[in-house]
Amino acid sequence: MKEISKGLFYIGTDDLDLDLFESQYPVPEGMAYNSYLIKGDKTAILDTADARKADEWLANLAEALGGSQPDYLVIHHLEPDHSAVIAKVMNLYPGIVVAGSAKAIQLMAQFFPETDFGGRTLALKEGDELDLGGRSLVFYAAPMVHWPEVMVSYDALSGTLFSADAFGKFGALSKSGFYGDEEEDWACEARRYYFNICGKYGLPVQTLLGKVAKLDVKTIAPAHGPILRKDLEQYFNLYNIWSRYEAEKQGVLIAYASIHGGTAKAAKLLGEMISAKGVKAKVIDVARMEASEAVEDAFSYNRVVLAASSYDGGLFPPMYNFLHHLQDKAWQKRRIGFIENGTWAPCSGRIMKDMVSGLKEMELIEPVVTLKSVMKESDKSALEVLANEIIK
């Protein structure tokens, strides 16, 4: 338990043993399941925790309550990493009322089929105020950031925005520091978190930012990651860039997938050509780079070259998987060049173009550079043309 401001306590937990968040994103620094307790004349618990840390979280809650009875359990987001302990809380505190969006209350029965919620819920909508006596929480709908039932809330007394998954990041607080300003680079894992968790939902995030802009926010208390309290404009600015699908970095990402090294050699030479022209180039191997890191890079750069081998009459699977991730996350607003390779029937360029051509505001650069098995001296002039075109 930690007091953030008068009457506002952190009761969340760290999970240092988790290997994959959502069973897909590596979290070498663990994960924080953030939860808060806010006290006026009445007391509200703000979210719970993942089932993995239920006992620890319940102990934190009991310490913060100090023998008193809570009045409300507020659910900002129903995903199990935030809500797995709802039924236990209801059993421990018979007088408690669960407050959340109407959609959250509807969906709770799916997660807790054996729990009777009858007469113990409060459906909240945009602008509703939960009066705690001496302070209150005002609620704002945030559907699809990143589930349809999400709400955020604002405590005017402390100026705290409880932002659910927005402004979250990977990493346990014992690793990163409790406050964001204690970190050397908050944006690194926050960026990977945003693009992979919320990246598809740029428009809903923009809508939420518009609502939040009208509030006097002094502290952001997210559902994951450090509490943010200083120079908040930097966090809002990054979220504005990310949710508008704009590039944070000016340069060229060269993403390749190579079977026997021929395509890799061409991709690396292209990177050297671009760097020699004074433009930043980053070369990544999507067959070996962790997928969420590769997705982060693709969203970060304004220009991308995709280089891949043909395989079984189609596209080499590591590149296909990479582009499939980007399709799922609504990647857009980029200039794209292509390098294909094939020994008897090069076709990877056509498939890569097909996969990105349906995305919004993509400028596809022609012609595709075609290699036959390995890069030859005669191919270097085509790579030079591509280098000049991609940096325009």
Protein backbone atom coordinates (compact mmCIF):
# COMPACT_ATOMS: atom_id res chain seq x y z
CA MET A 1 0.00 0.00 0.00
CA LYS A 2 1.22 3.52 -0.83
CA GLU A 3 -0.51 6.86 -0.32
CA ILE A 4 -0.42 8.83 -3.59
CA SER A 5 -2.24 11.87 -2.19
CA LYS A 6 -4.51 12.51 0.77
CA GLY A 7 -7.15 9.80 0.85
CA LEU A 8 -5.87 8.11 -2.32
CA PHE A 9 -3.94 4.86 -1.97
CA TYR A 10 -2.20 2.47 -4.34
CA ILE A 11 -3.12 -1.14 -3.53
CA GLY A 12 -1.93 -2.86 -6.70
CA THR A 13 0.55 -5.70 -7.10
CA ASP A 14 3.60 -6.61 -9.14
CA ASP A 15 3.88 -9.88 -11.03
CA LEU A 16 7.54 -10.72 -11.54
CA ASP A 17 6.94 -14.32 -12.61
CA LEU A 18 4.74 -13.65 -15.64
CA ASP A 19 6.48 -14.55 -18.91
CA LEU A 20 3.84 -13.51 -21.48
CA PHE A 21 1.24 -10.80 -20.92
CA GLU A 22 -2.04 -11.81 -22.57
CA SER A 23 -0.15 -15.04 -23.39
CA GLN A 24 1.65 -13.30 -26.25
CA TYR A 25 3.75 -10.27 -25.19
CA PRO A 26 7.08 -10.97 -23.45
CA VAL A 27 7.43 -9.03 -20.20
CA PRO A 28 11.00 -9.59 -19.00
CA GLU A 29 10.50 -6.85 -16.38
CA GLY A 30 7.22 -8.33 -15.15
CA MET A 31 3.84 -6.60 -15.00
CA ALA A 32 2.01 -4.28 -12.62
CA TYR A 33 -1.69 -4.77 -11.90
CA ASN A 34 -2.66 -1.34 -10.63
CA SER A 35 -5.55 -0.81 -8.25
CA TYR A 36 -6.47 2.11 -6.04
CA LEU A 37 -8.51 2.94 -2.94
CA ILE A 38 -10.09 6.38 -2.64
CA LYS A 39 -11.63 7.67 0.57
CA GLY A 40 -14.16 10.40 1.26
CA ASP A 41 -16.98 9.86 3.71
CA LYS A 42 -17.46 6.74 1.62
CA THR A 43 -14.79 4.45 0.24
CA ALA A 44 -14.35 3.15 -3.30
CA ILE A 45 -12.04 0.42 -4.55
CA LEU A 46 -10.88 1.15 -8.08
CA ASP A 47 -10.40 -2.16 -9.94
CA THR A 48 -8.94 -5.38 -8.54
CA ALA A 49 -6.12 -7.54 -9.92
CA ASP A 50 -5.23 -10.63 -11.90
CA ALA A 51 -6.09 -13.98 -10.31
CA ARG A 52 -2.37 -14.77 -10.11
CA LYS A 53 -1.98 -12.07 -7.43
CA ALA A 54 -5.38 -12.29 -5.74
CA ASP A 55 -4.13 -13.11 -2.23
CA GLU A 56 -1.52 -10.37 -2.24
CA TRP A 57 -4.03 -7.84 -3.57
CA LEU A 58 -6.64 -8.77 -0.93
CA ALA A 59 -4.00 -8.26 1.77
CA ASN A 60 -3.19 -4.82 0.38
CA LEU A 61 -6.89 -3.99 0.33
CA ALA A 62 -7.40 -5.08 3.93
CA GLU A 63 -4.43 -2.99 5.06
CA ALA A 64 -5.75 0.10 3.26
CA LEU A 65 -9.26 -0.36 4.65
CA GLY A 66 -7.96 -0.70 8.20
CA GLY A 67 -11.05 -2.61 9.30
CA SER A 68 -13.57 -0.32 7.60
CA GLN A 69 -16.11 -1.49 5.04
CA PRO A 70 -15.86 -0.36 1.40
CA ASP A 71 -18.95 1.12 -0.24
CA TYR A 72 -18.14 0.73 -3.92
CA LEU A 73 -16.04 -1.40 -6.23
CA VAL A 74 -15.48 0.58 -9.41
CA ILE A 75 -14.67 -1.40 -12.54
CA HIS A 76 -13.05 0.74 -15.22
CA HIS A 77 -12.18 -2.25 -17.41
CA LEU A 78 -13.46 -5.82 -17.10
CA GLU A 79 -10.51 -7.68 -18.65
CA PRO A 80 -9.43 -10.37 -16.15
CA ASP A 81 -6.03 -8.83 -15.37
CA HIS A 82 -8.00 -5.99 -13.72
CA SER A 83 -11.13 -7.74 -12.48
CA ALA A 84 -10.44 -11.35 -11.50
CA VAL A 85 -11.07 -10.73 -7.79
CA ILE A 86 -14.57 -9.19 -8.12
CA ALA A 87 -16.42 -12.24 -6.80
CA LYS A 88 -14.13 -12.58 -3.77
CA VAL A 89 -14.60 -8.91 -2.91
CA MET A 90 -18.36 -9.28 -3.09
CA ASN A 91 -18.24 -12.29 -0.78
CA LEU A 92 -15.96 -10.56 1.72
CA TYR A 93 -17.91 -7.29 1.79
CA PRO A 94 -21.67 -8.04 1.49
CA GLY A 95 -22.65 -4.36 1.46
CA ILE A 96 -20.46 -3.36 -1.46
CA VAL A 97 -21.94 -2.11 -4.76
CA VAL A 98 -20.14 -2.80 -8.05
CA ALA A 99 -20.13 0.30 -10.26
CA GLY A 100 -19.22 0.30 -13.94
CA SER A 101 -20.59 0.89 -17.39
CA ALA A 102 -23.81 -0.88 -18.34
CA LYS A 103 -21.77 -3.00 -20.73
CA ALA A 104 -19.36 -4.01 -17.96
CA ILE A 105 -22.21 -5.04 -15.71
CA GLN A 106 -23.74 -7.07 -18.55
CA LEU A 107 -20.46 -8.85 -19.23
CA MET A 108 -19.63 -9.58 -15.59
CA ALA A 109 -22.07 -12.47 -15.55
CA GLN A 110 -20.01 -14.16 -18.28
CA PHE A 111 -16.88 -14.05 -16.14
CA PHE A 112 -18.60 -14.87 -12.84
CA PRO A 113 -21.54 -17.16 -13.72
CA GLU A 114 -21.93 -18.37 -10.14
CA THR A 115 -22.08 -14.90 -8.56
CA ASP A 116 -25.42 -13.22 -7.89
CA PHE A 117 -25.11 -9.54 -8.81
CA GLY A 118 -28.81 -8.82 -8.21
CA GLY A 119 -29.33 -5.46 -6.52
CA ARG A 120 -25.60 -4.93 -6.07
CA THR A 121 -24.62 -3.05 -9.22
CA LEU A 122 -24.69 0.57 -10.33
CA ALA A 123 -24.64 1.29 -14.07
CA LEU A 124 -22.69 4.43 -14.94
CA LYS A 125 -22.79 6.51 -18.09
CA GLU A 126 -20.92 9.49 -19.52
CA GLY A 127 -20.82 12.37 -17.06
CA ASP A 128 -22.18 10.43 -14.09
CA GLU A 129 -20.78 11.37 -10.70
CA LEU A 130 -20.16 8.96 -7.84
CA ASP A 131 -20.48 11.00 -4.64
CA LEU A 132 -18.11 9.74 -1.95
CA GLY A 133 -18.79 12.59 0.47
CA GLY A 134 -16.20 15.36 0.37
CA ARG A 135 -14.99 14.17 -3.02
CA SER A 136 -16.46 12.46 -6.05
CA LEU A 137 -15.53 10.55 -9.16
CA VAL A 138 -16.80 11.72 -12.55
CA PHE A 139 -16.95 9.10 -15.30
CA TYR A 140 -16.21 9.31 -19.01
CA ALA A 141 -16.93 6.58 -21.52
CA ALA A 142 -13.89 5.23 -23.35
CA PRO A 143 -15.29 2.42 -25.50
CA MET A 144 -12.68 0.42 -27.46
CA VAL A 145 -9.77 1.74 -25.43
CA HIS A 146 -9.43 -1.18 -25.79
CA TRP A 147 -12.66 -3.08 -24.89
CA PRO A 148 -16.22 -1.77 -25.45
CA GLU A 149 -17.10 -1.46 -21.74
CA VAL A 150 -14.19 0.77 -20.70
CA MET A 151 -14.67 3.95 -18.67
CA VAL A 152 -12.16 6.31 -17.09
CA SER A 153 -12.82 8.45 -14.04
CA TYR A 154 -11.59 11.76 -12.62
CA ASP A 155 -11.15 12.86 -9.04
CA ALA A 156 -11.21 16.67 -9.05
CA LEU A 157 -9.99 16.93 -5.44
CA SER A 158 -6.59 15.45 -6.30
CA GLY A 159 -6.70 16.10 -10.05
CA THR A 160 -6.24 12.39 -10.71
CA LEU A 161 -7.32 10.69 -13.92
CA PHE A 162 -7.84 6.95 -13.53
CA SER A 163 -7.12 6.07 -17.12
CA ALA A 164 -7.69 2.28 -17.34
CA ASP A 165 -5.36 0.84 -20.02
CA ALA A 166 -4.56 4.24 -21.50
CA PHE A 167 -1.08 5.52 -20.57
CA GLY A 168 -0.11 2.07 -19.36
CA LYS A 169 3.12 0.21 -20.02
CA PHE A 170 4.78 -3.14 -19.59
CA GLY A 171 6.94 -3.72 -16.53
CA ALA A 172 6.54 -4.16 -12.78
CA LEU A 173 6.74 -1.03 -10.62
CA SER A 174 9.50 -2.59 -8.54
CA LYS A 175 11.55 -2.62 -11.73
CA SER A 176 10.58 0.69 -13.34
CA GLY A 177 9.93 2.91 -10.31
CA PHE A 178 6.59 3.88 -8.83
CA TYR A 179 6.37 7.23 -10.65
CA GLY A 180 6.99 7.74 -14.35
CA ASP A 181 9.41 10.61 -13.74
CA GLU A 182 11.65 8.17 -11.86
CA GLU A 183 12.24 6.23 -15.08
CA GLU A 184 14.99 6.79 -17.58
CA ASP A 185 12.77 6.02 -20.58
CA TRP A 186 9.05 5.62 -19.86
CA ALA A 187 8.18 5.78 -23.57
CA CYS A 188 10.10 2.66 -24.60
CA GLU A 189 7.81 0.03 -23.07
CA ALA A 190 4.80 2.36 -23.11
CA ARG A 191 5.17 2.58 -26.89
CA ARG A 192 5.32 -1.18 -27.32
CA TYR A 193 2.34 -1.50 -24.98
CA TYR A 194 0.28 1.11 -26.83
CA PHE A 195 0.80 -0.20 -30.37
CA ASN A 196 0.12 -3.80 -29.42
CA ILE A 197 -2.73 -3.27 -26.93
CA CYS A 198 -4.48 -0.10 -28.12
CA GLY A 199 -2.88 0.53 -31.52
CA LYS A 200 -5.87 -0.56 -33.57
CA TYR A 201 -8.14 1.94 -31.83
CA GLY A 202 -6.65 5.30 -32.72
CA LEU A 203 -9.97 7.08 -33.22
CA PRO A 204 -11.39 6.02 -29.81
CA VAL A 205 -8.13 7.13 -28.19
CA GLN A 206 -8.40 10.49 -29.95
CA THR A 207 -11.96 10.83 -28.64
CA LEU A 208 -10.79 10.10 -25.10
CA LEU A 209 -7.94 12.63 -25.39
CA GLY A 210 -10.50 15.26 -26.38
CA LYS A 211 -12.49 14.60 -23.21
CA VAL A 212 -9.43 14.55 -20.98
CA ALA A 213 -8.16 17.85 -22.42
CA LYS A 214 -11.03 19.65 -20.67
CA LEU A 215 -9.94 18.40 -17.23
CA ASP A 216 -7.32 19.81 -14.88
CA VAL A 217 -5.27 16.63 -14.73
CA LYS A 218 -2.38 16.67 -12.27
CA THR A 219 -1.83 12.89 -12.00
CA ILE A 220 -2.50 9.99 -14.35
CA ALA A 221 -3.14 6.69 -12.58
CA PRO A 222 -3.17 3.94 -15.24
CA ALA A 223 -4.12 0.28 -14.88
CA HIS A 224 -0.55 -0.81 -15.68
CA GLY A 225 2.77 0.88 -15.20
CA PRO A 226 3.96 3.90 -13.21
CA ILE A 227 1.81 6.75 -11.93
CA LEU A 228 2.45 9.88 -14.01
CA ARG A 229 2.59 13.23 -12.24
CA LYS A 230 5.21 15.54 -13.82
CA ASP A 231 5.35 17.10 -17.29
CA LEU A 232 2.12 15.38 -18.29
CA GLU A 233 2.17 17.17 -21.62
CA GLN A 234 4.86 14.79 -22.89
CA TYR A 235 2.57 11.80 -22.31
CA PHE A 236 -0.43 13.48 -23.93
CA ASN A 237 1.73 14.53 -26.90
CA LEU A 238 2.98 10.98 -27.46
CA TYR A 239 -0.54 9.56 -27.25
CA ASN A 240 -1.69 12.18 -29.74
CA ILE A 241 1.03 11.17 -32.21
CA TRP A 242 0.48 7.45 -31.74
CA SER A 243 -3.32 7.54 -31.95
CA ARG A 244 -3.21 9.64 -35.14
CA TYR A 245 -0.96 6.98 -36.70
CA GLU A 246 1.72 9.59 -37.28
CA ALA A 247 5.38 8.63 -37.31
CA GLU A 248 7.35 9.50 -34.21
CA LYS A 249 10.67 8.96 -36.02
CA GLN A 250 11.80 10.29 -39.38
CA GLY A 251 13.77 7.58 -41.13
CA VAL A 252 13.51 4.23 -42.90
CA LEU A 253 12.78 0.91 -41.27
CA ILE A 254 14.01 -2.01 -43.38
CA ALA A 255 12.22 -5.17 -42.24
CA TYR A 256 13.43 -8.39 -43.83
CA ALA A 257 12.70 -12.10 -43.68
CA SER A 258 15.43 -14.18 -45.29
CA ILE A 259 15.69 -17.97 -45.59
CA HIS A 260 19.35 -18.49 -46.46
CA GLY A 261 20.77 -14.97 -46.15
CA GLY A 262 20.43 -13.62 -49.70
CA THR A 263 17.57 -11.26 -48.90
CA ALA A 264 19.25 -10.23 -45.64
CA LYS A 265 22.38 -9.17 -47.52
CA ALA A 266 20.37 -6.92 -49.84
CA ALA A 267 18.40 -5.41 -46.95
CA LYS A 268 21.58 -4.56 -45.07
CA LEU A 269 23.19 -3.01 -48.15
CA LEU A 270 20.07 -0.88 -48.68
CA GLY A 271 20.39 0.31 -45.08
CA GLU A 272 23.99 1.33 -45.74
CA MET A 273 22.97 3.21 -48.90
CA ILE A 274 20.24 5.12 -47.07
CA SER A 275 22.49 5.95 -44.12
CA ALA A 276 25.15 7.25 -46.54
CA LYS A 277 22.57 9.74 -47.80
CA GLY A 278 22.17 11.18 -44.31
CA VAL A 279 18.85 9.47 -43.46
CA LYS A 280 18.45 7.24 -40.42
CA ALA A 281 17.95 3.58 -41.35
CA LYS A 282 17.15 0.71 -39.00
CA VAL A 283 17.37 -2.88 -40.28
CA ILE A 284 15.45 -5.64 -38.47
CA ASP A 285 15.06 -9.37 -39.05
CA VAL A 286 11.38 -10.14 -38.48
CA ALA A 287 12.15 -13.88 -38.39
CA ARG A 288 14.14 -13.38 -35.20
CA MET A 289 12.85 -10.17 -33.66
CA GLU A 290 10.05 -10.52 -31.11
CA ALA A 291 6.78 -9.67 -32.88
CA SER A 292 5.58 -6.89 -30.59
CA GLU A 293 8.96 -5.14 -30.87
CA ALA A 294 8.79 -5.33 -34.67
CA VAL A 295 5.26 -3.91 -34.64
CA GLU A 296 6.48 -1.04 -32.46
CA ASP A 297 9.22 -0.23 -34.98
CA ALA A 298 6.81 -0.31 -37.92
CA PHE A 299 4.56 2.22 -36.22
CA SER A 300 7.51 4.41 -35.19
CA TYR A 301 9.07 5.10 -38.62
CA ASN A 302 7.46 7.08 -41.43
CA ARG A 303 9.04 5.01 -44.23
CA VAL A 304 9.41 1.24 -44.44
CA VAL A 305 10.99 -1.21 -46.87
CA LEU A 306 9.73 -4.78 -46.74
CA ALA A 307 12.15 -7.44 -48.00
CA ALA A 308 11.22 -11.10 -48.10
CA SER A 309 11.80 -14.41 -49.79
CA SER A 310 9.17 -16.29 -51.73
CA TYR A 311 8.18 -19.58 -50.10
CA ASP A 312 5.93 -22.45 -51.22
CA GLY A 313 4.46 -20.29 -53.95
CA GLY A 314 3.69 -17.59 -51.40
CA LEU A 315 5.34 -15.35 -48.83
CA PHE A 316 7.96 -16.50 -46.33
CA PRO A 317 5.88 -17.04 -43.12
CA PRO A 318 7.83 -14.70 -40.78
CA MET A 319 7.06 -11.76 -43.09
CA TYR A 320 3.47 -12.90 -43.54
CA ASN A 321 3.03 -13.04 -39.76
CA PHE A 322 4.61 -9.59 -39.34
CA LEU A 323 2.29 -8.01 -41.91
CA HIS A 324 -0.70 -9.86 -40.46
CA HIS A 325 0.05 -8.27 -37.07
CA LEU A 326 0.22 -4.84 -38.74
CA GLN A 327 -3.07 -5.41 -40.54
CA ASP A 328 -4.70 -6.32 -37.23
CA LYS A 329 -3.38 -3.12 -35.64
CA ALA A 330 -4.63 -0.85 -38.47
CA TRP A 331 -1.13 0.23 -39.54
CA GLN A 332 -1.40 3.21 -41.93
CA LYS A 333 0.04 6.47 -43.31
CA ARG A 334 3.40 5.13 -44.49
CA ARG A 335 5.59 5.11 -47.63
CA ILE A 336 6.47 1.51 -48.47
CA GLY A 337 9.12 -0.02 -50.72
CA PHE A 338 9.62 -3.69 -51.53
CA ILE A 339 12.39 -6.20 -52.18
CA GLU A 340 11.42 -9.71 -53.24
CA ASN A 341 13.53 -12.80 -53.74
CA GLY A 342 12.88 -16.10 -55.47
CA THR A 343 14.85 -18.75 -57.27
CA TRP A 344 12.37 -19.82 -59.96
CA ALA A 345 9.14 -17.85 -59.38
CA PRO A 346 9.54 -14.69 -57.26
CA CYS A 347 6.10 -13.78 -55.86
CA SER A 348 6.72 -12.32 -52.41
CA GLY A 349 6.59 -8.74 -53.68
CA ARG A 350 3.09 -9.14 -55.08
CA ILE A 351 1.82 -10.70 -51.85
CA MET A 352 3.41 -8.05 -49.63
CA LYS A 353 1.86 -5.33 -51.79
CA ASP A 354 -1.52 -7.02 -51.60
CA MET A 355 -1.31 -7.19 -47.80
CA VAL A 356 -0.55 -3.50 -47.31
CA SER A 357 -2.48 -1.99 -50.23
CA GLY A 358 -5.78 -2.37 -48.35
CA LEU A 359 -4.50 -0.30 -45.44
CA LYS A 360 -5.25 3.42 -45.19
CA GLU A 361 -3.08 6.10 -46.79
CA MET A 362 -0.25 3.85 -47.89
CA GLU A 363 2.05 5.10 -50.65
CA LEU A 364 3.58 2.09 -52.43
CA ILE A 365 6.86 2.75 -54.21
CA GLU A 366 7.53 1.20 -57.61
CA PRO A 367 9.21 -0.74 -58.99
CA VAL A 368 9.68 -3.72 -56.72
CA VAL A 369 13.32 -4.79 -56.54
CA THR A 370 13.49 -8.44 -57.62
CA LEU A 371 16.39 -10.70 -56.68
CA LYS A 372 17.02 -14.15 -58.13
CA SER A 373 18.45 -16.33 -55.35
CA VAL A 374 21.29 -14.01 -54.34
CA MET A 375 22.13 -10.35 -54.82
CA LYS A 376 24.32 -9.72 -57.84
CA GLU A 377 26.36 -6.70 -58.83
CA SER A 378 23.68 -5.79 -61.36
CA ASP A 379 21.05 -5.62 -58.56
CA LYS A 380 22.84 -2.83 -56.72
CA SER A 381 21.68 -0.15 -59.14
CA ALA A 382 18.05 -1.15 -58.49
CA LEU A 383 18.68 -0.92 -54.75
CA GLU A 384 20.18 2.55 -55.28
CA VAL A 385 17.02 3.63 -57.11
CA LEU A 386 14.90 2.30 -54.24
CA ALA A 387 17.09 4.12 -51.71
CA ASN A 388 16.58 7.40 -53.55
CA GLU A 389 12.83 6.89 -53.89
CA ILE A 390 12.16 5.87 -50.29
CA ILE A 391 13.94 8.92 -48.83
CA LYS A 392 12.03 11.45 -50.96
